[in-house]
PDBML (XML) file of the C-alpha atoms, coordinates in Angstrom:
<?xml version="1.0" encoding="UTF-8" ?>
<PDBx:datablock datablockName="MODEL"
   xmlns:PDBx="http://pdbml.pdb.org/schema/pdbx-v50.xsd"
   xmlns:xsi="http://www.w3.org/2001/XMLSchema-instance"
   xsi:schemaLocation="http://pdbml.pdb.org/schema/pdbx-v50.xsd pdbx-v50.xsd">
   <PDBx:atom_siteCategory>
      <PDBx:atom_site id="1">
         <PDBx:B_iso_or_equiv>0.00</PDBx:B_iso_or_equiv>
         <PDBx:Cartn_x>76.404</PDBx:Cartn_x>
         <PDBx:Cartn_y>154.309</PDBx:Cartn_y>
         <PDBx:Cartn_z>111.401</PDBx:Cartn_z>
         <PDBx:auth_asym_id>A</PDBx:auth_asym_id>
         <PDBx:auth_atom_id>CA</PDBx:auth_atom_id>
         <PDBx:auth_comp_id>TYR</PDBx:auth_comp_id>
         <PDBx:auth_seq_id>1</PDBx:auth_seq_id>
         <PDBx:group_PDB>ATOM</PDBx:group_PDB>
         <PDBx:label_alt_id xsi:nil="true" />
         <PDBx:label_asym_id>A</PDBx:label_asym_id>
         <PDBx:label_atom_id>CA</PDBx:label_atom_id>
         <PDBx:label_comp_id>TYR</PDBx:label_comp_id>
         <PDBx:label_entity_id>1</PDBx:label_entity_id>
         <PDBx:label_seq_id>1</PDBx:label_seq_id>
         <PDBx:occupancy>1.00</PDBx:occupancy>
         <PDBx:pdbx_PDB_model_num>1</PDBx:pdbx_PDB_model_num>
         <PDBx:type_symbol>C</PDBx:type_symbol>
      </PDBx:atom_site>
      <PDBx:atom_site id="2">
         <PDBx:B_iso_or_equiv>0.00</PDBx:B_iso_or_equiv>
         <PDBx:Cartn_x>76.625</PDBx:Cartn_x>
         <PDBx:Cartn_y>154.552</PDBx:Cartn_y>
         <PDBx:Cartn_z>115.119</PDBx:Cartn_z>
         <PDBx:auth_asym_id>A</PDBx:auth_asym_id>
         <PDBx:auth_atom_id>CA</PDBx:auth_atom_id>
         <PDBx:auth_comp_id>VAL</PDBx:auth_comp_id>
         <PDBx:auth_seq_id>2</PDBx:auth_seq_id>
         <PDBx:group_PDB>ATOM</PDBx:group_PDB>
         <PDBx:label_alt_id xsi:nil="true" />
         <PDBx:label_asym_id>A</PDBx:label_asym_id>
         <PDBx:label_atom_id>CA</PDBx:label_atom_id>
         <PDBx:label_comp_id>VAL</PDBx:label_comp_id>
         <PDBx:label_entity_id>1</PDBx:label_entity_id>
         <PDBx:label_seq_id>2</PDBx:label_seq_id>
         <PDBx:occupancy>1.00</PDBx:occupancy>
         <PDBx:pdbx_PDB_model_num>1</PDBx:pdbx_PDB_model_num>
         <PDBx:type_symbol>C</PDBx:type_symbol>
      </PDBx:atom_site>
      <PDBx:atom_site id="3">
         <PDBx:B_iso_or_equiv>0.00</PDBx:B_iso_or_equiv>
         <PDBx:Cartn_x>73.148</PDBx:Cartn_x>
         <PDBx:Cartn_y>152.899</PDBx:Cartn_y>
         <PDBx:Cartn_z>115.305</PDBx:Cartn_z>
         <PDBx:auth_asym_id>A</PDBx:auth_asym_id>
         <PDBx:auth_atom_id>CA</PDBx:auth_atom_id>
         <PDBx:auth_comp_id>LYS</PDBx:auth_comp_id>
         <PDBx:auth_seq_id>3</PDBx:auth_seq_id>
         <PDBx:group_PDB>ATOM</PDBx:group_PDB>
         <PDBx:label_alt_id xsi:nil="true" />
         <PDBx:label_asym_id>A</PDBx:label_asym_id>
         <PDBx:label_atom_id>CA</PDBx:label_atom_id>
         <PDBx:label_comp_id>LYS</PDBx:label_comp_id>
         <PDBx:label_entity_id>1</PDBx:label_entity_id>
         <PDBx:label_seq_id>3</PDBx:label_seq_id>
         <PDBx:occupancy>1.00</PDBx:occupancy>
         <PDBx:pdbx_PDB_model_num>1</PDBx:pdbx_PDB_model_num>
         <PDBx:type_symbol>C</PDBx:type_symbol>
      </PDBx:atom_site>
      <PDBx:atom_site id="4">
         <PDBx:B_iso_or_equiv>0.00</PDBx:B_iso_or_equiv>
         <PDBx:Cartn_x>72.910</PDBx:Cartn_x>
         <PDBx:Cartn_y>150.832</PDBx:Cartn_y>
         <PDBx:Cartn_z>112.086</PDBx:Cartn_z>
         <PDBx:auth_asym_id>A</PDBx:auth_asym_id>
         <PDBx:auth_atom_id>CA</PDBx:auth_atom_id>
         <PDBx:auth_comp_id>PRO</PDBx:auth_comp_id>
         <PDBx:auth_seq_id>4</PDBx:auth_seq_id>
         <PDBx:group_PDB>ATOM</PDBx:group_PDB>
         <PDBx:label_alt_id xsi:nil="true" />
         <PDBx:label_asym_id>A</PDBx:label_asym_id>
         <PDBx:label_atom_id>CA</PDBx:label_atom_id>
         <PDBx:label_comp_id>PRO</PDBx:label_comp_id>
         <PDBx:label_entity_id>1</PDBx:label_entity_id>
         <PDBx:label_seq_id>4</PDBx:label_seq_id>
         <PDBx:occupancy>1.00</PDBx:occupancy>
         <PDBx:pdbx_PDB_model_num>1</PDBx:pdbx_PDB_model_num>
         <PDBx:type_symbol>C</PDBx:type_symbol>
      </PDBx:atom_site>
      <PDBx:atom_site id="5">
         <PDBx:B_iso_or_equiv>0.00</PDBx:B_iso_or_equiv>
         <PDBx:Cartn_x>69.947</PDBx:Cartn_x>
         <PDBx:Cartn_y>149.107</PDBx:Cartn_y>
         <PDBx:Cartn_z>110.471</PDBx:Cartn_z>
         <PDBx:auth_asym_id>A</PDBx:auth_asym_id>
         <PDBx:auth_atom_id>CA</PDBx:auth_atom_id>
         <PDBx:auth_comp_id>ASP</PDBx:auth_comp_id>
         <PDBx:auth_seq_id>5</PDBx:auth_seq_id>
         <PDBx:group_PDB>ATOM</PDBx:group_PDB>
         <PDBx:label_alt_id xsi:nil="true" />
         <PDBx:label_asym_id>A</PDBx:label_asym_id>
         <PDBx:label_atom_id>CA</PDBx:label_atom_id>
         <PDBx:label_comp_id>ASP</PDBx:label_comp_id>
         <PDBx:label_entity_id>1</PDBx:label_entity_id>
         <PDBx:label_seq_id>5</PDBx:label_seq_id>
         <PDBx:occupancy>1.00</PDBx:occupancy>
         <PDBx:pdbx_PDB_model_num>1</PDBx:pdbx_PDB_model_num>
         <PDBx:type_symbol>C</PDBx:type_symbol>
      </PDBx:atom_site>
      <PDBx:atom_site id="6">
         <PDBx:B_iso_or_equiv>0.00</PDBx:B_iso_or_equiv>
         <PDBx:Cartn_x>70.364</PDBx:Cartn_x>
         <PDBx:Cartn_y>145.701</PDBx:Cartn_y>
         <PDBx:Cartn_z>111.909</PDBx:Cartn_z>
         <PDBx:auth_asym_id>A</PDBx:auth_asym_id>
         <PDBx:auth_atom_id>CA</PDBx:auth_atom_id>
         <PDBx:auth_comp_id>THR</PDBx:auth_comp_id>
         <PDBx:auth_seq_id>6</PDBx:auth_seq_id>
         <PDBx:group_PDB>ATOM</PDBx:group_PDB>
         <PDBx:label_alt_id xsi:nil="true" />
         <PDBx:label_asym_id>A</PDBx:label_asym_id>
         <PDBx:label_atom_id>CA</PDBx:label_atom_id>
         <PDBx:label_comp_id>THR</PDBx:label_comp_id>
         <PDBx:label_entity_id>1</PDBx:label_entity_id>
         <PDBx:label_seq_id>6</PDBx:label_seq_id>
         <PDBx:occupancy>1.00</PDBx:occupancy>
         <PDBx:pdbx_PDB_model_num>1</PDBx:pdbx_PDB_model_num>
         <PDBx:type_symbol>C</PDBx:type_symbol>
      </PDBx:atom_site>
      <PDBx:atom_site id="7">
         <PDBx:B_iso_or_equiv>0.00</PDBx:B_iso_or_equiv>
         <PDBx:Cartn_x>68.288</PDBx:Cartn_x>
         <PDBx:Cartn_y>144.061</PDBx:Cartn_y>
         <PDBx:Cartn_z>109.195</PDBx:Cartn_z>
         <PDBx:auth_asym_id>A</PDBx:auth_asym_id>
         <PDBx:auth_atom_id>CA</PDBx:auth_atom_id>
         <PDBx:auth_comp_id>ASN</PDBx:auth_comp_id>
         <PDBx:auth_seq_id>7</PDBx:auth_seq_id>
         <PDBx:group_PDB>ATOM</PDBx:group_PDB>
         <PDBx:label_alt_id xsi:nil="true" />
         <PDBx:label_asym_id>A</PDBx:label_asym_id>
         <PDBx:label_atom_id>CA</PDBx:label_atom_id>
         <PDBx:label_comp_id>ASN</PDBx:label_comp_id>
         <PDBx:label_entity_id>1</PDBx:label_entity_id>
         <PDBx:label_seq_id>7</PDBx:label_seq_id>
         <PDBx:occupancy>1.00</PDBx:occupancy>
         <PDBx:pdbx_PDB_model_num>1</PDBx:pdbx_PDB_model_num>
         <PDBx:type_symbol>C</PDBx:type_symbol>
      </PDBx:atom_site>
      <PDBx:atom_site id="8">
         <PDBx:B_iso_or_equiv>0.00</PDBx:B_iso_or_equiv>
         <PDBx:Cartn_x>70.300</PDBx:Cartn_x>
         <PDBx:Cartn_y>145.457</PDBx:Cartn_y>
         <PDBx:Cartn_z>106.131</PDBx:Cartn_z>
         <PDBx:auth_asym_id>A</PDBx:auth_asym_id>
         <PDBx:auth_atom_id>CA</PDBx:auth_atom_id>
         <PDBx:auth_comp_id>SER</PDBx:auth_comp_id>
         <PDBx:auth_seq_id>8</PDBx:auth_seq_id>
         <PDBx:group_PDB>ATOM</PDBx:group_PDB>
         <PDBx:label_alt_id xsi:nil="true" />
         <PDBx:label_asym_id>A</PDBx:label_asym_id>
         <PDBx:label_atom_id>CA</PDBx:label_atom_id>
         <PDBx:label_comp_id>SER</PDBx:label_comp_id>
         <PDBx:label_entity_id>1</PDBx:label_entity_id>
         <PDBx:label_seq_id>8</PDBx:label_seq_id>
         <PDBx:occupancy>1.00</PDBx:occupancy>
         <PDBx:pdbx_PDB_model_num>1</PDBx:pdbx_PDB_model_num>
         <PDBx:type_symbol>C</PDBx:type_symbol>
      </PDBx:atom_site>
      <PDBx:atom_site id="9">
         <PDBx:B_iso_or_equiv>0.00</PDBx:B_iso_or_equiv>
         <PDBx:Cartn_x>72.623</PDBx:Cartn_x>
         <PDBx:Cartn_y>143.502</PDBx:Cartn_y>
         <PDBx:Cartn_z>103.981</PDBx:Cartn_z>
         <PDBx:auth_asym_id>A</PDBx:auth_asym_id>
         <PDBx:auth_atom_id>CA</PDBx:auth_atom_id>
         <PDBx:auth_comp_id>GLU</PDBx:auth_comp_id>
         <PDBx:auth_seq_id>9</PDBx:auth_seq_id>
         <PDBx:group_PDB>ATOM</PDBx:group_PDB>
         <PDBx:label_alt_id xsi:nil="true" />
         <PDBx:label_asym_id>A</PDBx:label_asym_id>
         <PDBx:label_atom_id>CA</PDBx:label_atom_id>
         <PDBx:label_comp_id>GLU</PDBx:label_comp_id>
         <PDBx:label_entity_id>1</PDBx:label_entity_id>
         <PDBx:label_seq_id>9</PDBx:label_seq_id>
         <PDBx:occupancy>1.00</PDBx:occupancy>
         <PDBx:pdbx_PDB_model_num>1</PDBx:pdbx_PDB_model_num>
         <PDBx:type_symbol>C</PDBx:type_symbol>
      </PDBx:atom_site>
      <PDBx:atom_site id="10">
         <PDBx:B_iso_or_equiv>0.00</PDBx:B_iso_or_equiv>
         <PDBx:Cartn_x>75.343</PDBx:Cartn_x>
         <PDBx:Cartn_y>145.975</PDBx:Cartn_y>
         <PDBx:Cartn_z>104.685</PDBx:Cartn_z>
         <PDBx:auth_asym_id>A</PDBx:auth_asym_id>
         <PDBx:auth_atom_id>CA</PDBx:auth_atom_id>
         <PDBx:auth_comp_id>GLU</PDBx:auth_comp_id>
         <PDBx:auth_seq_id>10</PDBx:auth_seq_id>
         <PDBx:group_PDB>ATOM</PDBx:group_PDB>
         <PDBx:label_alt_id xsi:nil="true" />
         <PDBx:label_asym_id>A</PDBx:label_asym_id>
         <PDBx:label_atom_id>CA</PDBx:label_atom_id>
         <PDBx:label_comp_id>GLU</PDBx:label_comp_id>
         <PDBx:label_entity_id>1</PDBx:label_entity_id>
         <PDBx:label_seq_id>10</PDBx:label_seq_id>
         <PDBx:occupancy>1.00</PDBx:occupancy>
         <PDBx:pdbx_PDB_model_num>1</PDBx:pdbx_PDB_model_num>
         <PDBx:type_symbol>C</PDBx:type_symbol>
      </PDBx:atom_site>
      <PDBx:atom_site id="11">
         <PDBx:B_iso_or_equiv>0.00</PDBx:B_iso_or_equiv>
         <PDBx:Cartn_x>74.944</PDBx:Cartn_x>
         <PDBx:Cartn_y>145.254</PDBx:Cartn_y>
         <PDBx:Cartn_z>108.517</PDBx:Cartn_z>
         <PDBx:auth_asym_id>A</PDBx:auth_asym_id>
         <PDBx:auth_atom_id>CA</PDBx:auth_atom_id>
         <PDBx:auth_comp_id>TYR</PDBx:auth_comp_id>
         <PDBx:auth_seq_id>11</PDBx:auth_seq_id>
         <PDBx:group_PDB>ATOM</PDBx:group_PDB>
         <PDBx:label_alt_id xsi:nil="true" />
         <PDBx:label_asym_id>A</PDBx:label_asym_id>
         <PDBx:label_atom_id>CA</PDBx:label_atom_id>
         <PDBx:label_comp_id>TYR</PDBx:label_comp_id>
         <PDBx:label_entity_id>1</PDBx:label_entity_id>
         <PDBx:label_seq_id>11</PDBx:label_seq_id>
         <PDBx:occupancy>1.00</PDBx:occupancy>
         <PDBx:pdbx_PDB_model_num>1</PDBx:pdbx_PDB_model_num>
         <PDBx:type_symbol>C</PDBx:type_symbol>
      </PDBx:atom_site>
      <PDBx:atom_site id="12">
         <PDBx:B_iso_or_equiv>0.00</PDBx:B_iso_or_equiv>
         <PDBx:Cartn_x>75.325</PDBx:Cartn_x>
         <PDBx:Cartn_y>141.487</PDBx:Cartn_y>
         <PDBx:Cartn_z>107.953</PDBx:Cartn_z>
         <PDBx:auth_asym_id>A</PDBx:auth_asym_id>
         <PDBx:auth_atom_id>CA</PDBx:auth_atom_id>
         <PDBx:auth_comp_id>LYS</PDBx:auth_comp_id>
         <PDBx:auth_seq_id>12</PDBx:auth_seq_id>
         <PDBx:group_PDB>ATOM</PDBx:group_PDB>
         <PDBx:label_alt_id xsi:nil="true" />
         <PDBx:label_asym_id>A</PDBx:label_asym_id>
         <PDBx:label_atom_id>CA</PDBx:label_atom_id>
         <PDBx:label_comp_id>LYS</PDBx:label_comp_id>
         <PDBx:label_entity_id>1</PDBx:label_entity_id>
         <PDBx:label_seq_id>12</PDBx:label_seq_id>
         <PDBx:occupancy>1.00</PDBx:occupancy>
         <PDBx:pdbx_PDB_model_num>1</PDBx:pdbx_PDB_model_num>
         <PDBx:type_symbol>C</PDBx:type_symbol>
      </PDBx:atom_site>
      <PDBx:atom_site id="13">
         <PDBx:B_iso_or_equiv>0.00</PDBx:B_iso_or_equiv>
         <PDBx:Cartn_x>78.477</PDBx:Cartn_x>
         <PDBx:Cartn_y>141.932</PDBx:Cartn_y>
         <PDBx:Cartn_z>105.914</PDBx:Cartn_z>
         <PDBx:auth_asym_id>A</PDBx:auth_asym_id>
         <PDBx:auth_atom_id>CA</PDBx:auth_atom_id>
         <PDBx:auth_comp_id>ILE</PDBx:auth_comp_id>
         <PDBx:auth_seq_id>13</PDBx:auth_seq_id>
         <PDBx:group_PDB>ATOM</PDBx:group_PDB>
         <PDBx:label_alt_id xsi:nil="true" />
         <PDBx:label_asym_id>A</PDBx:label_asym_id>
         <PDBx:label_atom_id>CA</PDBx:label_atom_id>
         <PDBx:label_comp_id>ILE</PDBx:label_comp_id>
         <PDBx:label_entity_id>1</PDBx:label_entity_id>
         <PDBx:label_seq_id>13</PDBx:label_seq_id>
         <PDBx:occupancy>1.00</PDBx:occupancy>
         <PDBx:pdbx_PDB_model_num>1</PDBx:pdbx_PDB_model_num>
         <PDBx:type_symbol>C</PDBx:type_symbol>
      </PDBx:atom_site>
      <PDBx:atom_site id="14">
         <PDBx:B_iso_or_equiv>0.00</PDBx:B_iso_or_equiv>
         <PDBx:Cartn_x>79.868</PDBx:Cartn_x>
         <PDBx:Cartn_y>144.212</PDBx:Cartn_y>
         <PDBx:Cartn_z>108.623</PDBx:Cartn_z>
         <PDBx:auth_asym_id>A</PDBx:auth_asym_id>
         <PDBx:auth_atom_id>CA</PDBx:auth_atom_id>
         <PDBx:auth_comp_id>ALA</PDBx:auth_comp_id>
         <PDBx:auth_seq_id>14</PDBx:auth_seq_id>
         <PDBx:group_PDB>ATOM</PDBx:group_PDB>
         <PDBx:label_alt_id xsi:nil="true" />
         <PDBx:label_asym_id>A</PDBx:label_asym_id>
         <PDBx:label_atom_id>CA</PDBx:label_atom_id>
         <PDBx:label_comp_id>ALA</PDBx:label_comp_id>
         <PDBx:label_entity_id>1</PDBx:label_entity_id>
         <PDBx:label_seq_id>14</PDBx:label_seq_id>
         <PDBx:occupancy>1.00</PDBx:occupancy>
         <PDBx:pdbx_PDB_model_num>1</PDBx:pdbx_PDB_model_num>
         <PDBx:type_symbol>C</PDBx:type_symbol>
      </PDBx:atom_site>
      <PDBx:atom_site id="15">
         <PDBx:B_iso_or_equiv>0.00</PDBx:B_iso_or_equiv>
         <PDBx:Cartn_x>79.072</PDBx:Cartn_x>
         <PDBx:Cartn_y>141.601</PDBx:Cartn_y>
         <PDBx:Cartn_z>111.354</PDBx:Cartn_z>
         <PDBx:auth_asym_id>A</PDBx:auth_asym_id>
         <PDBx:auth_atom_id>CA</PDBx:auth_atom_id>
         <PDBx:auth_comp_id>LYS</PDBx:auth_comp_id>
         <PDBx:auth_seq_id>15</PDBx:auth_seq_id>
         <PDBx:group_PDB>ATOM</PDBx:group_PDB>
         <PDBx:label_alt_id xsi:nil="true" />
         <PDBx:label_asym_id>A</PDBx:label_asym_id>
         <PDBx:label_atom_id>CA</PDBx:label_atom_id>
         <PDBx:label_comp_id>LYS</PDBx:label_comp_id>
         <PDBx:label_entity_id>1</PDBx:label_entity_id>
         <PDBx:label_seq_id>15</PDBx:label_seq_id>
         <PDBx:occupancy>1.00</PDBx:occupancy>
         <PDBx:pdbx_PDB_model_num>1</PDBx:pdbx_PDB_model_num>
         <PDBx:type_symbol>C</PDBx:type_symbol>
      </PDBx:atom_site>
      <PDBx:atom_site id="16">
         <PDBx:B_iso_or_equiv>0.00</PDBx:B_iso_or_equiv>
         <PDBx:Cartn_x>80.495</PDBx:Cartn_x>
         <PDBx:Cartn_y>138.788</PDBx:Cartn_y>
         <PDBx:Cartn_z>109.213</PDBx:Cartn_z>
         <PDBx:auth_asym_id>A</PDBx:auth_asym_id>
         <PDBx:auth_atom_id>CA</PDBx:auth_atom_id>
         <PDBx:auth_comp_id>ALA</PDBx:auth_comp_id>
         <PDBx:auth_seq_id>16</PDBx:auth_seq_id>
         <PDBx:group_PDB>ATOM</PDBx:group_PDB>
         <PDBx:label_alt_id xsi:nil="true" />
         <PDBx:label_asym_id>A</PDBx:label_asym_id>
         <PDBx:label_atom_id>CA</PDBx:label_atom_id>
         <PDBx:label_comp_id>ALA</PDBx:label_comp_id>
         <PDBx:label_entity_id>1</PDBx:label_entity_id>
         <PDBx:label_seq_id>16</PDBx:label_seq_id>
         <PDBx:occupancy>1.00</PDBx:occupancy>
         <PDBx:pdbx_PDB_model_num>1</PDBx:pdbx_PDB_model_num>
         <PDBx:type_symbol>C</PDBx:type_symbol>
      </PDBx:atom_site>
      <PDBx:atom_site id="17">
         <PDBx:B_iso_or_equiv>0.00</PDBx:B_iso_or_equiv>
         <PDBx:Cartn_x>83.656</PDBx:Cartn_x>
         <PDBx:Cartn_y>140.865</PDBx:Cartn_y>
         <PDBx:Cartn_z>109.016</PDBx:Cartn_z>
         <PDBx:auth_asym_id>A</PDBx:auth_asym_id>
         <PDBx:auth_atom_id>CA</PDBx:auth_atom_id>
         <PDBx:auth_comp_id>ALA</PDBx:auth_comp_id>
         <PDBx:auth_seq_id>17</PDBx:auth_seq_id>
         <PDBx:group_PDB>ATOM</PDBx:group_PDB>
         <PDBx:label_alt_id xsi:nil="true" />
         <PDBx:label_asym_id>A</PDBx:label_asym_id>
         <PDBx:label_atom_id>CA</PDBx:label_atom_id>
         <PDBx:label_comp_id>ALA</PDBx:label_comp_id>
         <PDBx:label_entity_id>1</PDBx:label_entity_id>
         <PDBx:label_seq_id>17</PDBx:label_seq_id>
         <PDBx:occupancy>1.00</PDBx:occupancy>
         <PDBx:pdbx_PDB_model_num>1</PDBx:pdbx_PDB_model_num>
         <PDBx:type_symbol>C</PDBx:type_symbol>
      </PDBx:atom_site>
      <PDBx:atom_site id="18">
         <PDBx:B_iso_or_equiv>0.00</PDBx:B_iso_or_equiv>
         <PDBx:Cartn_x>83.700</PDBx:Cartn_x>
         <PDBx:Cartn_y>141.276</PDBx:Cartn_y>
         <PDBx:Cartn_z>112.748</PDBx:Cartn_z>
         <PDBx:auth_asym_id>A</PDBx:auth_asym_id>
         <PDBx:auth_atom_id>CA</PDBx:auth_atom_id>
         <PDBx:auth_comp_id>ASP</PDBx:auth_comp_id>
         <PDBx:auth_seq_id>18</PDBx:auth_seq_id>
         <PDBx:group_PDB>ATOM</PDBx:group_PDB>
         <PDBx:label_alt_id xsi:nil="true" />
         <PDBx:label_asym_id>A</PDBx:label_asym_id>
         <PDBx:label_atom_id>CA</PDBx:label_atom_id>
         <PDBx:label_comp_id>ASP</PDBx:label_comp_id>
         <PDBx:label_entity_id>1</PDBx:label_entity_id>
         <PDBx:label_seq_id>18</PDBx:label_seq_id>
         <PDBx:occupancy>1.00</PDBx:occupancy>
         <PDBx:pdbx_PDB_model_num>1</PDBx:pdbx_PDB_model_num>
         <PDBx:type_symbol>C</PDBx:type_symbol>
      </PDBx:atom_site>
      <PDBx:atom_site id="19">
         <PDBx:B_iso_or_equiv>0.00</PDBx:B_iso_or_equiv>
         <PDBx:Cartn_x>83.406</PDBx:Cartn_x>
         <PDBx:Cartn_y>137.565</PDBx:Cartn_y>
         <PDBx:Cartn_z>113.243</PDBx:Cartn_z>
         <PDBx:auth_asym_id>A</PDBx:auth_asym_id>
         <PDBx:auth_atom_id>CA</PDBx:auth_atom_id>
         <PDBx:auth_comp_id>ARG</PDBx:auth_comp_id>
         <PDBx:auth_seq_id>19</PDBx:auth_seq_id>
         <PDBx:group_PDB>ATOM</PDBx:group_PDB>
         <PDBx:label_alt_id xsi:nil="true" />
         <PDBx:label_asym_id>A</PDBx:label_asym_id>
         <PDBx:label_atom_id>CA</PDBx:label_atom_id>
         <PDBx:label_comp_id>ARG</PDBx:label_comp_id>
         <PDBx:label_entity_id>1</PDBx:label_entity_id>
         <PDBx:label_seq_id>19</PDBx:label_seq_id>
         <PDBx:occupancy>1.00</PDBx:occupancy>
         <PDBx:pdbx_PDB_model_num>1</PDBx:pdbx_PDB_model_num>
         <PDBx:type_symbol>C</PDBx:type_symbol>
      </PDBx:atom_site>
      <PDBx:atom_site id="20">
         <PDBx:B_iso_or_equiv>0.00</PDBx:B_iso_or_equiv>
         <PDBx:Cartn_x>86.191</PDBx:Cartn_x>
         <PDBx:Cartn_y>136.972</PDBx:Cartn_y>
         <PDBx:Cartn_z>110.500</PDBx:Cartn_z>
         <PDBx:auth_asym_id>A</PDBx:auth_asym_id>
         <PDBx:auth_atom_id>CA</PDBx:auth_atom_id>
         <PDBx:auth_comp_id>LEU</PDBx:auth_comp_id>
         <PDBx:auth_seq_id>20</PDBx:auth_seq_id>
         <PDBx:group_PDB>ATOM</PDBx:group_PDB>
         <PDBx:label_alt_id xsi:nil="true" />
         <PDBx:label_asym_id>A</PDBx:label_asym_id>
         <PDBx:label_atom_id>CA</PDBx:label_atom_id>
         <PDBx:label_comp_id>LEU</PDBx:label_comp_id>
         <PDBx:label_entity_id>1</PDBx:label_entity_id>
         <PDBx:label_seq_id>20</PDBx:label_seq_id>
         <PDBx:occupancy>1.00</PDBx:occupancy>
         <PDBx:pdbx_PDB_model_num>1</PDBx:pdbx_PDB_model_num>
         <PDBx:type_symbol>C</PDBx:type_symbol>
      </PDBx:atom_site>
      <PDBx:atom_site id="21">
         <PDBx:B_iso_or_equiv>0.00</PDBx:B_iso_or_equiv>
         <PDBx:Cartn_x>88.248</PDBx:Cartn_x>
         <PDBx:Cartn_y>139.357</PDBx:Cartn_y>
         <PDBx:Cartn_z>112.384</PDBx:Cartn_z>
         <PDBx:auth_asym_id>A</PDBx:auth_asym_id>
         <PDBx:auth_atom_id>CA</PDBx:auth_atom_id>
         <PDBx:auth_comp_id>ALA</PDBx:auth_comp_id>
         <PDBx:auth_seq_id>21</PDBx:auth_seq_id>
         <PDBx:group_PDB>ATOM</PDBx:group_PDB>
         <PDBx:label_alt_id xsi:nil="true" />
         <PDBx:label_asym_id>A</PDBx:label_asym_id>
         <PDBx:label_atom_id>CA</PDBx:label_atom_id>
         <PDBx:label_comp_id>ALA</PDBx:label_comp_id>
         <PDBx:label_entity_id>1</PDBx:label_entity_id>
         <PDBx:label_seq_id>21</PDBx:label_seq_id>
         <PDBx:occupancy>1.00</PDBx:occupancy>
         <PDBx:pdbx_PDB_model_num>1</PDBx:pdbx_PDB_model_num>
         <PDBx:type_symbol>C</PDBx:type_symbol>
      </PDBx:atom_site>
      <PDBx:atom_site id="22">
         <PDBx:B_iso_or_equiv>0.00</PDBx:B_iso_or_equiv>
         <PDBx:Cartn_x>87.812</PDBx:Cartn_x>
         <PDBx:Cartn_y>137.085</PDBx:Cartn_y>
         <PDBx:Cartn_z>115.470</PDBx:Cartn_z>
         <PDBx:auth_asym_id>A</PDBx:auth_asym_id>
         <PDBx:auth_atom_id>CA</PDBx:auth_atom_id>
         <PDBx:auth_comp_id>ALA</PDBx:auth_comp_id>
         <PDBx:auth_seq_id>22</PDBx:auth_seq_id>
         <PDBx:group_PDB>ATOM</PDBx:group_PDB>
         <PDBx:label_alt_id xsi:nil="true" />
         <PDBx:label_asym_id>A</PDBx:label_asym_id>
         <PDBx:label_atom_id>CA</PDBx:label_atom_id>
         <PDBx:label_comp_id>ALA</PDBx:label_comp_id>
         <PDBx:label_entity_id>1</PDBx:label_entity_id>
         <PDBx:label_seq_id>22</PDBx:label_seq_id>
         <PDBx:occupancy>1.00</PDBx:occupancy>
         <PDBx:pdbx_PDB_model_num>1</PDBx:pdbx_PDB_model_num>
         <PDBx:type_symbol>C</PDBx:type_symbol>
      </PDBx:atom_site>
      <PDBx:atom_site id="23">
         <PDBx:B_iso_or_equiv>0.00</PDBx:B_iso_or_equiv>
         <PDBx:Cartn_x>88.619</PDBx:Cartn_x>
         <PDBx:Cartn_y>133.884</PDBx:Cartn_y>
         <PDBx:Cartn_z>113.367</PDBx:Cartn_z>
         <PDBx:auth_asym_id>A</PDBx:auth_asym_id>
         <PDBx:auth_atom_id>CA</PDBx:auth_atom_id>
         <PDBx:auth_comp_id>PHE</PDBx:auth_comp_id>
         <PDBx:auth_seq_id>23</PDBx:auth_seq_id>
         <PDBx:group_PDB>ATOM</PDBx:group_PDB>
         <PDBx:label_alt_id xsi:nil="true" />
         <PDBx:label_asym_id>A</PDBx:label_asym_id>
         <PDBx:label_atom_id>CA</PDBx:label_atom_id>
         <PDBx:label_comp_id>PHE</PDBx:label_comp_id>
         <PDBx:label_entity_id>1</PDBx:label_entity_id>
         <PDBx:label_seq_id>23</PDBx:label_seq_id>
         <PDBx:occupancy>1.00</PDBx:occupancy>
         <PDBx:pdbx_PDB_model_num>1</PDBx:pdbx_PDB_model_num>
         <PDBx:type_symbol>C</PDBx:type_symbol>
      </PDBx:atom_site>
      <PDBx:atom_site id="24">
         <PDBx:B_iso_or_equiv>0.00</PDBx:B_iso_or_equiv>
         <PDBx:Cartn_x>91.764</PDBx:Cartn_x>
         <PDBx:Cartn_y>135.726</PDBx:Cartn_y>
         <PDBx:Cartn_z>111.993</PDBx:Cartn_z>
         <PDBx:auth_asym_id>A</PDBx:auth_asym_id>
         <PDBx:auth_atom_id>CA</PDBx:auth_atom_id>
         <PDBx:auth_comp_id>VAL</PDBx:auth_comp_id>
         <PDBx:auth_seq_id>24</PDBx:auth_seq_id>
         <PDBx:group_PDB>ATOM</PDBx:group_PDB>
         <PDBx:label_alt_id xsi:nil="true" />
         <PDBx:label_asym_id>A</PDBx:label_asym_id>
         <PDBx:label_atom_id>CA</PDBx:label_atom_id>
         <PDBx:label_comp_id>VAL</PDBx:label_comp_id>
         <PDBx:label_entity_id>1</PDBx:label_entity_id>
         <PDBx:label_seq_id>24</PDBx:label_seq_id>
         <PDBx:occupancy>1.00</PDBx:occupancy>
         <PDBx:pdbx_PDB_model_num>1</PDBx:pdbx_PDB_model_num>
         <PDBx:type_symbol>C</PDBx:type_symbol>
      </PDBx:atom_site>
      <PDBx:atom_site id="25">
         <PDBx:B_iso_or_equiv>0.00</PDBx:B_iso_or_equiv>
         <PDBx:Cartn_x>92.857</PDBx:Cartn_x>
         <PDBx:Cartn_y>136.285</PDBx:Cartn_y>
         <PDBx:Cartn_z>115.659</PDBx:Cartn_z>
         <PDBx:auth_asym_id>A</PDBx:auth_asym_id>
         <PDBx:auth_atom_id>CA</PDBx:auth_atom_id>
         <PDBx:auth_comp_id>LYS</PDBx:auth_comp_id>
         <PDBx:auth_seq_id>25</PDBx:auth_seq_id>
         <PDBx:group_PDB>ATOM</PDBx:group_PDB>
         <PDBx:label_alt_id xsi:nil="true" />
         <PDBx:label_asym_id>A</PDBx:label_asym_id>
         <PDBx:label_atom_id>CA</PDBx:label_atom_id>
         <PDBx:label_comp_id>LYS</PDBx:label_comp_id>
         <PDBx:label_entity_id>1</PDBx:label_entity_id>
         <PDBx:label_seq_id>25</PDBx:label_seq_id>
         <PDBx:occupancy>1.00</PDBx:occupancy>
         <PDBx:pdbx_PDB_model_num>1</PDBx:pdbx_PDB_model_num>
         <PDBx:type_symbol>C</PDBx:type_symbol>
      </PDBx:atom_site>
   </PDBx:atom_siteCategory>
</PDBx:datablock>
């Protein structure tokens, strides 16, 4: 989790959520 699989669907969702949080800011 600290060093995730950056090619996984799960990671893509986490990254989208990161950007979504920035958008909300």
